[in-house]
Amino acid sequence: MGRLQDKVCIITGAAGGQGQVAVSLFAEQGAKVVASDQCREPTASIADTMRRFPGQVCFVSGDVTVTTDLDNIVSTAVKQFGRVDVLFNNHGVMVGSPMLETTEDEIDLVLNVNVRASFLLSQRAARQMVEQGNGGSIIHNSSVGGLVGFPDMAAYGASKAGVAQLARSMANDLKDYGIRVNAVAPGGIDTAMPRKYVEKFEDREQIWKAMEQAHLSGRLGRPEEVIWLVIFLASDEASFMNGAVVPVDGGYSCV
C-alpha cells in the first residue's frame, strides 16, 4: 500500500521538472493521477509512467489560463477515476526583470498563471470535493521568492507571495468541508526553469554558482526533494497540517 493509495490526484505543470517527478512518484505511491500541461501530448517521462502504471495515469492537455480547460481537467478526473482527492497546483511561470523595466504583459502573465489559475482550478476542485463529502487536500507550489525579496523578481515574488497567501486563506474558507490547503515554498531547484533564466546573462556560470552558495546546503535542490514533501501534504499522514507554507529551500530563507 502506497502513501497515496487510490487517491485521485490532479497535477498541473506536469511536463516540467518537478511536475514529471511528481507524476512518477505519486503513481509509485498508489495514486490515480491526472497529469496536465500545455503540451498536446504527454512528454516521454509522463508516457513512460503511463506505461509503467497502466490505467493509473492519464494525461490531459490544458492551458491553465483558459477556464474551459480548467473545467476539463477536473471533469477528466471525475470521468476517468470517479472523484478528486488531491490537487497539486504545480504550474507556474518565472519573470526575472528589474522592477522599473517589467512590462504590463509580464506582470499580467505571472499573476494570471501563478495566482489566478491556481485560484480558479482550486475552486473547481474544491467544489468537487465538497460534493463528494470526504474532504481532500490542495497543495500550491509557491516559492522562497514569495517569502523573501529577490532582486529583479518583483513581479514573480508578488505572484508567489499571492500563492502562499491563497493557501492560508483557502484553508480558512474550506475548513468546514475537511479540505486541507497548504503550500510548499521551494528554493532554487535544478530544473529547466532556472537554467533558462540564467542563460540570458554573460556571466551565467558565476550567477549559477552564486545561486548555489546562497543556500545553506551549498547547492540547488533536486525535484524529488520538493515532491516528497508534497506527497506528505497530500497524504493522510498530514491530517494536522492546514494553512501552512513550508519552505523546502536548503536553508535559503533563514540566512
C-alpha atoms as a PDB file:
ATOM      1  CA  MET A   1       0.000   0.000   0.000  1.00  0.00           C
ATOM      2  CA  GLY A   2       1.393   3.366  -1.018  1.00  0.00           C
ATOM      3  CA  ARG A   3       1.046   6.575   0.927  1.00  0.00           C
ATOM      4  CA  LEU A   4      -1.458   7.860  -1.654  1.00  0.00           C
ATOM      5  CA  GLN A   5      -3.124   4.531  -2.372  1.00  0.00           C
ATOM      6  CA  ASP A   6      -6.183   5.008  -4.633  1.00  0.00           C
ATOM      7  CA  LYS A   7      -6.306   8.778  -4.103  1.00  0.00           C
ATOM      8  CA  VAL A   8      -7.271  10.621  -7.286  1.00  0.00           C
ATOM      9  CA  CYS A   9      -4.717  13.375  -7.757  1.00  0.00           C
ATOM     10  CA  ILE A  10      -4.566  16.202 -10.285  1.00  0.00           C
ATOM     11  CA  ILE A  11      -1.071  17.506 -11.070  1.00  0.00           C
ATOM     12  CA  THR A  12      -0.668  20.610 -13.216  1.00  0.00           C
ATOM     13  CA  GLY A  13       2.587  21.725 -14.768  1.00  0.00           C
ATOM     14  CA  ALA A  14       3.154  18.018 -15.261  1.00  0.00           C
ATOM     15  CA  ALA A  15       5.633  18.448 -18.113  1.00  0.00           C
ATOM     16  CA  GLY A  16       8.080  20.495 -16.038  1.00  0.00           C
ATOM     17  CA  GLY A  17      10.979  19.212 -13.985  1.00  0.00           C
ATOM     18  CA  GLN A  18       9.126  18.990 -10.688  1.00  0.00           C
ATOM     19  CA  GLY A  19       5.889  18.029 -12.431  1.00  0.00           C
ATOM     20  CA  GLN A  20       7.258  14.979 -14.217  1.00  0.00           C
ATOM     21  CA  VAL A  21       8.850  13.766 -10.996  1.00  0.00           C
ATOM     22  CA  ALA A  22       5.543  14.329  -9.193  1.00  0.00           C
ATOM     23  CA  VAL A  23       3.625  12.242 -11.729  1.00  0.00           C
ATOM     24  CA  SER A  24       6.065   9.354 -11.323  1.00  0.00           C
ATOM     25  CA  LEU A  25       6.342   9.450  -7.527  1.00  0.00           C
ATOM     26  CA  PHE A  26       2.597   9.941  -6.991  1.00  0.00           C
ATOM     27  CA  ALA A  27       1.912   6.886  -9.165  1.00  0.00           C
ATOM     28  CA  GLU A  28       4.533   4.865  -7.300  1.00  0.00           C
ATOM     29  CA  GLN A  29       2.722   5.763  -4.081  1.00  0.00           C
ATOM     30  CA  GLY A  30      -0.518   4.291  -5.413  1.00  0.00           C
ATOM     31  CA  ALA A  31      -2.246   7.455  -6.620  1.00  0.00           C
ATOM     32  CA  LYS A  32      -4.503   7.653  -9.654  1.00  0.00           C
ATOM     33  CA  VAL A  33      -3.025  10.610 -11.481  1.00  0.00           C
ATOM     34  CA  VAL A  34      -4.453  13.151 -13.905  1.00  0.00           C
ATOM     35  CA  ALA A  35      -1.382  14.891 -15.339  1.00  0.00           C
ATOM     36  CA  SER A  36      -1.919  18.148 -17.204  1.00  0.00           C
ATOM     37  CA  ASP A  37       0.187  20.671 -19.087  1.00  0.00           C
ATOM     38  CA  GLN A  38       0.049  22.811 -22.224  1.00  0.00           C
ATOM     39  CA  CYS A  39       1.794  20.287 -24.470  1.00  0.00           C
ATOM     40  CA  ARG A  40      -0.507  18.453 -26.849  1.00  0.00           C
ATOM     41  CA  GLU A  41       0.875  15.029 -25.988  1.00  0.00           C
ATOM     42  CA  PRO A  42       2.467  13.603 -22.829  1.00  0.00           C
ATOM     43  CA  THR A  43       6.209  14.011 -22.539  1.00  0.00           C
ATOM     44  CA  ALA A  44       8.454  10.962 -22.760  1.00  0.00           C
ATOM     45  CA  SER A  45       8.683  10.872 -18.962  1.00  0.00           C
ATOM     46  CA  ILE A  46       4.912  11.020 -18.465  1.00  0.00           C
ATOM     47  CA  ALA A  47       4.346   8.459 -21.233  1.00  0.00           C
ATOM     48  CA  ASP A  48       6.828   6.143 -19.521  1.00  0.00           C
ATOM     49  CA  THR A  49       4.951   6.493 -16.218  1.00  0.00           C
ATOM     50  CA  MET A  50       1.690   5.753 -18.030  1.00  0.00           C
ATOM     51  CA  ARG A  51       3.234   2.548 -19.398  1.00  0.00           C
ATOM     52  CA  ARG A  52       4.595   1.508 -16.017  1.00  0.00           C
ATOM     53  CA  PHE A  53       1.243   2.113 -14.314  1.00  0.00           C
ATOM     54  CA  PRO A  54      -1.411   1.175 -16.901  1.00  0.00           C
ATOM     55  CA  GLY A  55      -4.855   2.534 -16.138  1.00  0.00           C
ATOM     56  CA  GLN A  56      -3.489   4.538 -13.231  1.00  0.00           C
ATOM     57  CA  VAL A  57      -2.237   7.670 -15.016  1.00  0.00           C
ATOM     58  CA  CYS A  58      -3.892   9.760 -17.720  1.00  0.00           C
ATOM     59  CA  PHE A  59      -2.810  12.947 -19.467  1.00  0.00           C
ATOM     60  CA  VAL A  60      -4.996  15.907 -20.412  1.00  0.00           C
ATOM     61  CA  SER A  61      -3.694  18.852 -22.420  1.00  0.00           C
ATOM     62  CA  GLY A  62      -4.760  22.196 -20.998  1.00  0.00           C
ATOM     63  CA  ASP A  63      -3.875  25.858 -20.605  1.00  0.00           C
ATOM     64  CA  VAL A  64      -4.465  26.942 -17.006  1.00  0.00           C
ATOM     65  CA  THR A  65      -5.286  30.481 -18.143  1.00  0.00           C
ATOM     66  CA  VAL A  66      -8.314  29.166 -20.081  1.00  0.00           C
ATOM     67  CA  THR A  67     -11.270  28.499 -17.804  1.00  0.00           C
ATOM     68  CA  THR A  68     -12.820  25.864 -20.064  1.00  0.00           C
ATOM     69  CA  ASP A  69      -9.534  23.943 -19.874  1.00  0.00           C
ATOM     70  CA  LEU A  70      -9.711  24.109 -16.070  1.00  0.00           C
ATOM     71  CA  ASP A  71     -13.221  22.659 -16.237  1.00  0.00           C
ATOM     72  CA  ASN A  72     -11.930  19.891 -18.483  1.00  0.00           C
ATOM     73  CA  ILE A  73      -9.066  18.990 -16.146  1.00  0.00           C
ATOM     74  CA  VAL A  74     -11.443  18.412 -13.235  1.00  0.00           C
ATOM     75  CA  SER A  75     -14.111  16.704 -15.323  1.00  0.00           C
ATOM     76  CA  THR A  76     -11.476  14.364 -16.775  1.00  0.00           C
ATOM     77  CA  ALA A  77     -10.501  13.266 -13.268  1.00  0.00           C
ATOM     78  CA  VAL A  78     -14.142  12.553 -12.438  1.00  0.00           C
ATOM     79  CA  LYS A  79     -14.788  10.727 -15.716  1.00  0.00           C
ATOM     80  CA  GLN A  80     -11.625   8.633 -15.516  1.00  0.00           C
ATOM     81  CA  PHE A  81     -11.479   7.897 -11.804  1.00  0.00           C
ATOM     82  CA  GLY A  82     -14.790   8.993 -10.291  1.00  0.00           C
ATOM     83  CA  ARG A  83     -13.619  11.701  -7.904  1.00  0.00           C
ATOM     84  CA  VAL A  84     -10.926  14.229  -6.912  1.00  0.00           C
ATOM     85  CA  ASP A  85      -8.986  13.782  -3.658  1.00  0.00           C
ATOM     86  CA  VAL A  86      -5.852  15.867  -4.230  1.00  0.00           C
ATOM     87  CA  LEU A  87      -4.935  18.887  -6.323  1.00  0.00           C
ATOM     88  CA  PHE A  88      -1.289  19.849  -6.725  1.00  0.00           C
ATOM     89  CA  ASN A  89      -1.139  23.282  -8.347  1.00  0.00           C
ATOM     90  CA  ASN A  90       2.362  22.871  -9.707  1.00  0.00           C
ATOM     91  CA  HIS A  91       2.072  25.107 -12.769  1.00  0.00           C
ATOM     92  CA  GLY A  92       3.969  28.379 -12.825  1.00  0.00           C
ATOM     93  CA  VAL A  93       5.992  30.855 -14.841  1.00  0.00           C
ATOM     94  CA  MET A  94       9.022  32.926 -13.915  1.00  0.00           C
ATOM     95  CA  VAL A  95       9.690  36.503 -14.983  1.00  0.00           C
ATOM     96  CA  GLY A  96      13.035  37.998 -13.995  1.00  0.00           C
ATOM     97  CA  SER A  97      13.129  41.692 -14.824  1.00  0.00           C
ATOM     98  CA  PRO A  98      14.114  44.812 -12.865  1.00  0.00           C
ATOM     99  CA  MET A  99      11.001  46.387 -11.384  1.00  0.00           C
ATOM    100  CA  LEU A 100      11.378  49.560 -13.453  1.00  0.00           C
ATOM    101  CA  GLU A 101      11.636  47.537 -16.663  1.00  0.00           C
ATOM    102  CA  THR A 102       8.876  44.998 -16.054  1.00  0.00           C
ATOM    103  CA  THR A 103       6.188  45.247 -18.713  1.00  0.00           C
ATOM    104  CA  GLU A 104       2.428  45.062 -18.267  1.00  0.00           C
ATOM    105  CA  ASP A 105       2.446  41.827 -20.254  1.00  0.00           C
ATOM    106  CA  GLU A 106       4.975  40.299 -17.850  1.00  0.00           C
ATOM    107  CA  ILE A 107       3.071  41.229 -14.692  1.00  0.00           C
ATOM    108  CA  ASP A 108      -0.178  40.030 -16.268  1.00  0.00           C
ATOM    109  CA  LEU A 109       1.456  36.714 -17.202  1.00  0.00           C
ATOM    110  CA  VAL A 110       2.779  35.854 -13.745  1.00  0.00           C
ATOM    111  CA  LEU A 111      -0.414  36.911 -11.983  1.00  0.00           C
ATOM    112  CA  ASN A 112      -2.669  35.071 -14.432  1.00  0.00           C
ATOM    113  CA  VAL A 113      -0.697  31.830 -14.394  1.00  0.00           C
ATOM    114  CA  ASN A 114       0.585  31.719 -10.838  1.00  0.00           C
ATOM    115  CA  VAL A 115      -2.312  33.256  -8.902  1.00  0.00           C
ATOM    116  CA  ARG A 116      -5.488  33.457 -10.964  1.00  0.00           C
ATOM    117  CA  ALA A 117      -5.201  29.957 -12.412  1.00  0.00           C
ATOM    118  CA  SER A 118      -4.363  28.467  -9.003  1.00  0.00           C
ATOM    119  CA  PHE A 119      -7.421  30.149  -7.502  1.00  0.00           C
ATOM    120  CA  LEU A 120      -9.807  29.082 -10.245  1.00  0.00           C
ATOM    121  CA  LEU A 121      -8.609  25.486 -10.527  1.00  0.00           C
ATOM    122  CA  SER A 122      -8.688  25.136  -6.732  1.00  0.00           C
ATOM    123  CA  GLN A 123     -12.229  26.480  -6.734  1.00  0.00           C
ATOM    124  CA  ARG A 124     -13.324  23.857  -9.244  1.00  0.00           C
ATOM    125  CA  ALA A 125     -11.526  21.019  -7.471  1.00  0.00           C
ATOM    126  CA  ALA A 126     -12.850  22.126  -4.078  1.00  0.00           C
ATOM    127  CA  ARG A 127     -16.416  22.198  -5.364  1.00  0.00           C
ATOM    128  CA  GLN A 128     -15.993  18.601  -6.492  1.00  0.00           C
ATOM    129  CA  MET A 129     -14.509  17.647  -3.117  1.00  0.00           C
ATOM    130  CA  VAL A 130     -17.435  19.302  -1.308  1.00  0.00           C
ATOM    131  CA  GLU A 131     -19.903  17.405  -3.483  1.00  0.00           C
ATOM    132  CA  GLN A 132     -18.145  14.132  -2.627  1.00  0.00           C
ATOM    133  CA  GLY A 133     -18.240  14.933   1.076  1.00  0.00           C
ATOM    134  CA  ASN A 134     -14.961  13.284   2.071  1.00  0.00           C
ATOM    135  CA  GLY A 135     -12.613  16.258   2.311  1.00  0.00           C
ATOM    136  CA  GLY A 136      -9.401  16.489   0.354  1.00  0.00           C
ATOM    137  CA  SER A 137      -6.012  18.123   0.075  1.00  0.00           C
ATOM    138  CA  ILE A 138      -4.908  21.035  -2.083  1.00  0.00           C
ATOM    139  CA  ILE A 139      -1.223  21.924  -2.352  1.00  0.00           C
ATOM    140  CA  HIS A 140       0.115  25.067  -4.020  1.00  0.00           C
ATOM    141  CA  ASN A 141       3.646  25.388  -5.330  1.00  0.00           C
ATOM    142  CA  SER A 142       4.778  28.783  -4.067  1.00  0.00           C
ATOM    143  CA  SER A 143       8.464  29.755  -3.789  1.00  0.00           C
ATOM    144  CA  VAL A 144      11.020  31.081  -1.363  1.00  0.00           C
ATOM    145  CA  GLY A 145      10.786  34.085  -3.692  1.00  0.00           C
ATOM    146  CA  GLY A 146       7.328  34.670  -2.230  1.00  0.00           C
ATOM    147  CA  LEU A 147       8.772  34.751   1.303  1.00  0.00           C
ATOM    148  CA  VAL A 148      11.891  36.877   0.843  1.00  0.00           C
ATOM    149  CA  GLY A 149      12.791  39.600  -1.630  1.00  0.00           C
ATOM    150  CA  PHE A 150      14.883  38.719  -4.674  1.00  0.00           C
ATOM    151  CA  PRO A 151      16.408  41.426  -6.878  1.00  0.00           C
ATOM    152  CA  ASP A 152      14.804  41.738 -10.313  1.00  0.00           C
ATOM    153  CA  MET A 153      11.939  39.497  -9.228  1.00  0.00           C
ATOM    154  CA  ALA A 154       9.237  41.911  -8.030  1.00  0.00           C
ATOM    155  CA  ALA A 155       6.504  40.578 -10.313  1.00  0.00           C
ATOM    156  CA  TYR A 156       7.395  36.938  -9.724  1.00  0.00           C
ATOM    157  CA  GLY A 157       7.775  37.455  -5.970  1.00  0.00           C
ATOM    158  CA  ALA A 158       4.414  39.188  -5.726  1.00  0.00           C
ATOM    159  CA  SER A 159       2.732  36.321  -7.561  1.00  0.00           C
ATOM    160  CA  LYS A 160       4.338  33.645  -5.398  1.00  0.00           C
ATOM    161  CA  ALA A 161       3.505  35.558  -2.221  1.00  0.00           C
ATOM    162  CA  GLY A 162      -0.059  35.584  -3.513  1.00  0.00           C
ATOM    163  CA  VAL A 163       0.060  31.806  -3.924  1.00  0.00           C
ATOM    164  CA  ALA A 164       1.262  31.413  -0.333  1.00  0.00           C
ATOM    165  CA  GLN A 165      -1.484  33.673   0.995  1.00  0.00           C
ATOM    166  CA  LEU A 166      -4.020  31.853  -1.139  1.00  0.00           C
ATOM    167  CA  ALA A 167      -3.167  28.657   0.745  1.00  0.00           C
ATOM    168  CA  ARG A 168      -3.704  30.331   4.123  1.00  0.00           C
ATOM    169  CA  SER A 169      -6.979  31.959   3.112  1.00  0.00           C
ATOM    170  CA  MET A 170      -8.369  28.908   1.356  1.00  0.00           C
ATOM    171  CA  ALA A 171      -7.593  26.784   4.411  1.00  0.00           C
ATOM    172  CA  ASN A 172      -9.890  29.036   6.428  1.00  0.00           C
ATOM    173  CA  ASP A 173     -12.661  29.019   3.830  1.00  0.00           C
ATOM    174  CA  LEU A 174     -12.624  25.240   3.339  1.00  0.00           C
ATOM    175  CA  LYS A 175     -12.035  24.012   6.889  1.00  0.00           C
ATOM    176  CA  ASP A 176     -15.681  23.087   7.460  1.00  0.00           C
ATOM    177  CA  TYR A 177     -15.533  20.725   4.494  1.00  0.00           C
ATOM    178  CA  GLY A 178     -12.483  18.818   5.684  1.00  0.00           C
ATOM    179  CA  ILE A 179     -10.376  20.177   2.821  1.00  0.00           C
ATOM    180  CA  ARG A 180      -6.814  20.968   3.842  1.00  0.00           C
ATOM    181  CA  VAL A 181      -4.841  23.585   1.899  1.00  0.00           C
ATOM    182  CA  ASN A 182      -1.085  24.001   2.203  1.00  0.00           C
ATOM    183  CA  ALA A 183       1.781  25.353   0.123  1.00  0.00           C
ATOM    184  CA  VAL A 184       5.397  24.421  -0.404  1.00  0.00           C
ATOM    185  CA  ALA A 185       7.985  27.147  -0.936  1.00  0.00           C
ATOM    186  CA  PRO A 186      10.958  25.691  -2.806  1.00  0.00           C
ATOM    187  CA  GLY A 187      14.300  27.391  -3.005  1.00  0.00           C
ATOM    188  CA  GLY A 188      16.393  27.066  -6.130  1.00  0.00           C
ATOM    189  CA  ILE A 189      15.633  23.703  -7.716  1.00  0.00           C
ATOM    190  CA  ASP A 190      17.822  22.361 -10.501  1.00  0.00           C
ATOM    191  CA  THR A 191      15.308  22.206 -13.339  1.00  0.00           C
ATOM    192  CA  ALA A 192      14.997  23.721 -16.797  1.00  0.00           C
ATOM    193  CA  MET A 193      13.319  26.896 -15.486  1.00  0.00           C
ATOM    194  CA  PRO A 194      16.262  28.408 -13.540  1.00  0.00           C
ATOM    195  CA  ARG A 195      18.739  27.192 -16.154  1.00  0.00           C
ATOM    196  CA  LYS A 196      16.770  29.016 -18.846  1.00  0.00           C
ATOM    197  CA  TYR A 197      16.693  32.122 -16.647  1.00  0.00           C
ATOM    198  CA  VAL A 198      20.483  32.350 -16.273  1.00  0.00           C
ATOM    199  CA  GLU A 199      21.071  31.810 -19.998  1.00  0.00           C
ATOM    200  CA  LYS A 200      20.390  35.499 -20.676  1.00  0.00           C
ATOM    201  CA  PHE A 201      23.450  36.551 -18.653  1.00  0.00           C
ATOM    202  CA  GLU A 202      27.004  36.581 -19.980  1.00  0.00           C
ATOM    203  CA  ASP A 203      28.439  35.529 -16.607  1.00  0.00           C
ATOM    204  CA  ARG A 204      25.913  32.696 -16.247  1.00  0.00           C
ATOM    205  CA  GLU A 205      28.383  30.308 -14.589  1.00  0.00           C
ATOM    206  CA  GLN A 206      29.161  32.806 -11.830  1.00  0.00           C
ATOM    207  CA  ILE A 207      25.461  33.543 -11.343  1.00  0.00           C
ATOM    208  CA  TRP A 208      24.679  29.841 -11.106  1.00  0.00           C
ATOM    209  CA  LYS A 209      27.428  29.375  -8.523  1.00  0.00           C
ATOM    210  CA  ALA A 210      26.123  32.344  -6.537  1.00  0.00           C
ATOM    211  CA  MET A 211      22.647  30.824  -6.589  1.00  0.00           C
ATOM    212  CA  GLU A 212      24.048  27.595  -5.197  1.00  0.00           C
ATOM    213  CA  GLN A 213      26.033  29.325  -2.455  1.00  0.00           C
ATOM    214  CA  ALA A 214      23.014  31.377  -1.368  1.00  0.00           C
ATOM    215  CA  HIS A 215      21.588  28.155   0.097  1.00  0.00           C
ATOM    216  CA  LEU A 216      22.992  26.819   3.362  1.00  0.00           C
ATOM    217  CA  SER A 217      23.204  23.457   1.623  1.00  0.00           C
ATOM    218  CA  GLY A 218      25.673  24.970  -0.879  1.00  0.00           C
ATOM    219  CA  ARG A 219      23.675  23.595  -3.807  1.00  0.00           C
ATOM    220  CA  LEU A 220      20.325  23.752  -5.539  1.00  0.00           C
ATOM    221  CA  GLY A 221      17.684  21.233  -4.664  1.00  0.00           C
ATOM    222  CA  ARG A 222      16.532  18.223  -6.635  1.00  0.00           C
ATOM    223  CA  PRO A 223      12.900  17.987  -7.778  1.00  0.00           C
ATOM    224  CA  GLU A 224      12.210  14.881  -5.709  1.00  0.00           C
ATOM    225  CA  GLU A 225      13.260  16.752  -2.546  1.00  0.00           C
ATOM    226  CA  VAL A 226      10.241  19.006  -3.080  1.00  0.00           C
ATOM    227  CA  ILE A 227       7.862  16.313  -4.267  1.00  0.00           C
ATOM    228  CA  TRP A 228       8.335  14.058  -1.232  1.00  0.00           C
ATOM    229  CA  LEU A 229       7.106  16.970   0.895  1.00  0.00           C
ATOM    230  CA  VAL A 230       4.134  17.401  -1.450  1.00  0.00           C
ATOM    231  CA  ILE A 231       3.340  13.699  -1.126  1.00  0.00           C
ATOM    232  CA  PHE A 232       3.349  14.035   2.654  1.00  0.00           C
ATOM    233  CA  LEU A 233       0.967  17.010   2.476  1.00  0.00           C
ATOM    234  CA  ALA A 234      -1.299  15.108   0.088  1.00  0.00           C
ATOM    235  CA  SER A 235      -1.395  12.036   2.321  1.00  0.00           C
ATOM    236  CA  ASP A 236      -3.422  11.265   5.420  1.00  0.00           C
ATOM    237  CA  GLU A 237      -0.160  11.473   7.374  1.00  0.00           C
ATOM    238  CA  ALA A 238      -0.505  15.259   7.169  1.00  0.00           C
ATOM    239  CA  SER A 239      -4.012  15.371   8.666  1.00  0.00           C
ATOM    240  CA  PHE A 240      -2.912  18.050  11.172  1.00  0.00           C
ATOM    241  CA  MET A 241      -1.266  20.229   8.504  1.00  0.00           C
ATOM    242  CA  ASN A 242      -3.511  23.026   7.275  1.00  0.00           C
ATOM    243  CA  GLY A 243      -2.836  26.574   6.135  1.00  0.00           C
ATOM    244  CA  ALA A 244       0.924  26.039   6.245  1.00  0.00           C
ATOM    245  CA  VAL A 245       3.520  27.451   3.869  1.00  0.00           C
ATOM    246  CA  VAL A 246       6.503  25.132   4.208  1.00  0.00           C
ATOM    247  CA  PRO A 247       9.954  26.174   2.930  1.00  0.00           C
ATOM    248  CA  VAL A 248      11.974  23.448   1.261  1.00  0.00           C
ATOM    249  CA  ASP A 249      14.846  25.703   0.320  1.00  0.00           C
ATOM    250  CA  GLY A 250      18.149  24.337   1.572  1.00  0.00           C
ATOM    251  CA  GLY A 251      18.131  26.972   4.304  1.00  0.00           C
ATOM    252  CA  TYR A 252      17.858  29.975   1.977  1.00  0.00           C
ATOM    253  CA  SER A 253      15.064  31.707   3.897  1.00  0.00           C
ATOM    254  CA  CYS A 254      16.889  31.571   7.253  1.00  0.00           C
ATOM    255  CA  VAL A 255      20.000  33.446   6.081  1.00  0.00           C
END
